[in-house]
């Protein structure tokens, strides 16, 4: 594994979570603006795809995806970062989603979709 290169500026807010096993997990927060997220995610997916797993957890469901090769597509359009591989793809809203050229996405929905 290569050495981590900090490409984002931390906001100097760190939270440490104690685990029941005696260990800890440390979270360091950073700005979630689209300029930061798009650069960070592009670097992760395009240049470090071998080390990345993608997934989500909701009550009653866990999804875990792996890369077997570099993504075929990694593009930002109308607020959504789209990453496509041979067998799956994902869309992650990291900026304002206007709803295409006619701006059909209501303001309330735009706020709900965006990661924060």
C-alpha atoms as a PDB file:
ATOM      1  CA  UNK A   1       0.000   0.000   0.000  1.00  0.00           C
ATOM      2  CA  UNK A   2       1.404   3.406  -0.915  1.00  0.00           C
ATOM      3  CA  UNK A   3       1.890   6.210   1.594  1.00  0.00           C
ATOM      4  CA  UNK A   4      -1.169   8.429   2.130  1.00  0.00           C
ATOM      5  CA  UNK A   5      -0.865  11.854   0.551  1.00  0.00           C
ATOM      6  CA  UNK A   6      -3.184  14.404   2.168  1.00  0.00           C
ATOM      7  CA  UNK A   7      -4.899  16.186  -0.740  1.00  0.00           C
ATOM      8  CA  UNK A   8      -7.619  17.769   1.394  1.00  0.00           C
ATOM      9  CA  UNK A   9      -7.292  20.236   4.220  1.00  0.00           C
ATOM     10  CA  UNK A  10      -8.710  18.931   7.507  1.00  0.00           C
ATOM     11  CA  UNK A  11     -10.999  21.239   9.481  1.00  0.00           C
ATOM     12  CA  UNK A  12      -9.147  20.169  12.649  1.00  0.00           C
ATOM     13  CA  UNK A  13     -12.152  18.383  14.097  1.00  0.00           C
ATOM     14  CA  UNK A  14     -11.398  14.848  15.238  1.00  0.00           C
ATOM     15  CA  UNK A  15     -13.778  12.430  16.965  1.00  0.00           C
ATOM     16  CA  UNK A  16     -12.575   9.205  18.572  1.00  0.00           C
ATOM     17  CA  UNK A  17     -14.995   6.306  19.046  1.00  0.00           C
ATOM     18  CA  UNK A  18     -14.210   3.598  21.602  1.00  0.00           C
ATOM     19  CA  UNK A  19     -14.842   0.037  20.440  1.00  0.00           C
ATOM     20  CA  UNK A  20     -16.089  -2.811  22.624  1.00  0.00           C
ATOM     21  CA  UNK A  21     -12.906  -4.709  21.717  1.00  0.00           C
ATOM     22  CA  UNK A  22     -10.771  -2.073  23.430  1.00  0.00           C
ATOM     23  CA  UNK A  23      -9.630  -0.408  20.220  1.00  0.00           C
ATOM     24  CA  UNK A  24     -10.677   2.938  18.820  1.00  0.00           C
ATOM     25  CA  UNK A  25     -11.731   4.452  15.514  1.00  0.00           C
ATOM     26  CA  UNK A  26     -10.667   8.007  14.779  1.00  0.00           C
ATOM     27  CA  UNK A  27     -12.681  10.200  12.395  1.00  0.00           C
ATOM     28  CA  UNK A  28     -11.161  13.372  10.968  1.00  0.00           C
ATOM     29  CA  UNK A  29     -13.589  15.737   9.298  1.00  0.00           C
ATOM     30  CA  UNK A  30     -12.905  17.729   6.132  1.00  0.00           C
ATOM     31  CA  UNK A  31     -14.827  20.098   3.872  1.00  0.00           C
ATOM     32  CA  UNK A  32     -17.476  18.287   1.797  1.00  0.00           C
ATOM     33  CA  UNK A  33     -17.639  20.886  -0.961  1.00  0.00           C
ATOM     34  CA  UNK A  34     -17.825  19.468  -4.475  1.00  0.00           C
ATOM     35  CA  UNK A  35     -14.378  20.816  -5.373  1.00  0.00           C
ATOM     36  CA  UNK A  36     -12.843  18.758  -2.547  1.00  0.00           C
ATOM     37  CA  UNK A  37     -15.044  15.663  -2.946  1.00  0.00           C
ATOM     38  CA  UNK A  38     -14.717  15.474  -6.725  1.00  0.00           C
ATOM     39  CA  UNK A  39     -10.910  15.620  -6.557  1.00  0.00           C
ATOM     40  CA  UNK A  40     -10.720  13.176  -3.666  1.00  0.00           C
ATOM     41  CA  UNK A  41     -13.134  10.647  -5.182  1.00  0.00           C
ATOM     42  CA  UNK A  42     -11.569  10.888  -8.646  1.00  0.00           C
ATOM     43  CA  UNK A  43      -8.155  10.183  -7.107  1.00  0.00           C
ATOM     44  CA  UNK A  44      -9.537   7.239  -5.124  1.00  0.00           C
ATOM     45  CA  UNK A  45     -11.464   5.654  -8.005  1.00  0.00           C
ATOM     46  CA  UNK A  46      -9.077   6.362 -10.896  1.00  0.00           C
ATOM     47  CA  UNK A  47      -5.649   6.110  -9.278  1.00  0.00           C
ATOM     48  CA  UNK A  48      -6.240   3.856  -6.277  1.00  0.00           C
ATOM     49  CA  UNK A  49      -9.058   1.594  -7.455  1.00  0.00           C
ATOM     50  CA  UNK A  50      -7.171  -1.545  -6.287  1.00  0.00           C
ATOM     51  CA  UNK A  51      -7.430  -0.341  -2.672  1.00  0.00           C
ATOM     52  CA  UNK A  52     -11.054   0.875  -2.757  1.00  0.00           C
ATOM     53  CA  UNK A  53     -14.250  -0.880  -1.783  1.00  0.00           C
ATOM     54  CA  UNK A  54     -17.620   0.834  -2.141  1.00  0.00           C
ATOM     55  CA  UNK A  55     -20.810   0.185  -0.252  1.00  0.00           C
ATOM     56  CA  UNK A  56     -23.525   1.391   2.030  1.00  0.00           C
ATOM     57  CA  UNK A  57     -25.319   0.212   5.123  1.00  0.00           C
ATOM     58  CA  UNK A  58     -28.991   0.739   5.850  1.00  0.00           C
ATOM     59  CA  UNK A  59     -31.043  -1.080   8.455  1.00  0.00           C
ATOM     60  CA  UNK A  60     -31.392  -4.654   7.220  1.00  0.00           C
ATOM     61  CA  UNK A  61     -29.048  -4.338   4.239  1.00  0.00           C
ATOM     62  CA  UNK A  62     -25.348  -4.094   3.464  1.00  0.00           C
ATOM     63  CA  UNK A  63     -23.950  -3.600  -0.031  1.00  0.00           C
ATOM     64  CA  UNK A  64     -20.238  -4.126  -0.714  1.00  0.00           C
ATOM     65  CA  UNK A  65     -18.652  -3.697  -4.155  1.00  0.00           C
ATOM     66  CA  UNK A  66     -15.059  -4.213  -5.296  1.00  0.00           C
ATOM     67  CA  UNK A  67     -13.077  -3.077  -8.302  1.00  0.00           C
ATOM     68  CA  UNK A  68     -11.484  -5.788 -10.473  1.00  0.00           C
ATOM     69  CA  UNK A  69     -10.111  -3.205 -12.910  1.00  0.00           C
ATOM     70  CA  UNK A  70      -9.996   0.585 -13.228  1.00  0.00           C
ATOM     71  CA  UNK A  71     -13.415   2.187 -13.736  1.00  0.00           C
ATOM     72  CA  UNK A  72     -14.557   2.506 -17.344  1.00  0.00           C
ATOM     73  CA  UNK A  73     -16.108   5.880 -16.506  1.00  0.00           C
ATOM     74  CA  UNK A  74     -15.679   8.453 -13.745  1.00  0.00           C
ATOM     75  CA  UNK A  75     -17.534  11.675 -14.544  1.00  0.00           C
ATOM     76  CA  UNK A  76     -19.382  14.495 -12.768  1.00  0.00           C
ATOM     77  CA  UNK A  77     -22.624  15.654 -14.402  1.00  0.00           C
ATOM     78  CA  UNK A  78     -25.490  17.674 -12.900  1.00  0.00           C
ATOM     79  CA  UNK A  79     -24.174  17.145  -9.389  1.00  0.00           C
ATOM     80  CA  UNK A  80     -23.770  13.374  -9.650  1.00  0.00           C
ATOM     81  CA  UNK A  81     -20.445  11.585  -9.750  1.00  0.00           C
ATOM     82  CA  UNK A  82     -20.960   8.485 -11.884  1.00  0.00           C
ATOM     83  CA  UNK A  83     -18.483   5.629 -11.583  1.00  0.00           C
ATOM     84  CA  UNK A  84     -18.977   2.680 -13.941  1.00  0.00           C
ATOM     85  CA  UNK A  85     -17.170  -0.656 -14.019  1.00  0.00           C
ATOM     86  CA  UNK A  86     -17.662  -3.718 -16.202  1.00  0.00           C
ATOM     87  CA  UNK A  87     -20.333  -5.183 -13.925  1.00  0.00           C
ATOM     88  CA  UNK A  88     -21.858  -2.314 -11.900  1.00  0.00           C
ATOM     89  CA  UNK A  89     -22.130   1.442 -11.612  1.00  0.00           C
ATOM     90  CA  UNK A  90     -22.966   4.025  -8.966  1.00  0.00           C
ATOM     91  CA  UNK A  91     -24.212   7.600  -8.829  1.00  0.00           C
ATOM     92  CA  UNK A  92     -23.232   9.756  -5.851  1.00  0.00           C
ATOM     93  CA  UNK A  93     -24.690  13.250  -5.483  1.00  0.00           C
ATOM     94  CA  UNK A  94     -21.772  15.507  -4.447  1.00  0.00           C
ATOM     95  CA  UNK A  95     -23.021  18.844  -5.812  1.00  0.00           C
ATOM     96  CA  UNK A  96     -26.319  20.561  -6.554  1.00  0.00           C
ATOM     97  CA  UNK A  97     -28.548  18.446  -8.783  1.00  0.00           C
ATOM     98  CA  UNK A  98     -30.597  20.852 -10.869  1.00  0.00           C
ATOM     99  CA  UNK A  99     -32.530  18.175 -12.746  1.00  0.00           C
ATOM    100  CA  UNK A 100     -31.068  18.636 -16.192  1.00  0.00           C
ATOM    101  CA  UNK A 101     -31.234  21.647 -18.482  1.00  0.00           C
ATOM    102  CA  UNK A 102     -34.817  22.470 -17.431  1.00  0.00           C
ATOM    103  CA  UNK A 103     -33.916  22.532 -13.697  1.00  0.00           C
ATOM    104  CA  UNK A 104     -36.760  20.233 -12.667  1.00  0.00           C
ATOM    105  CA  UNK A 105     -35.394  19.203  -9.268  1.00  0.00           C
ATOM    106  CA  UNK A 106     -37.175  21.112  -6.461  1.00  0.00           C
ATOM    107  CA  UNK A 107     -34.901  23.003  -4.047  1.00  0.00           C
ATOM    108  CA  UNK A 108     -35.927  20.796  -1.085  1.00  0.00           C
ATOM    109  CA  UNK A 109     -34.981  17.650  -3.010  1.00  0.00           C
ATOM    110  CA  UNK A 110     -31.646  19.169  -4.101  1.00  0.00           C
ATOM    111  CA  UNK A 111     -30.704  19.604  -0.444  1.00  0.00           C
ATOM    112  CA  UNK A 112     -31.757  16.045   0.476  1.00  0.00           C
ATOM    113  CA  UNK A 113     -29.761  14.396  -2.313  1.00  0.00           C
ATOM    114  CA  UNK A 114     -26.427  16.026  -1.664  1.00  0.00           C
ATOM    115  CA  UNK A 115     -23.924  14.334   0.656  1.00  0.00           C
ATOM    116  CA  UNK A 116     -22.921  16.420   3.646  1.00  0.00           C
END
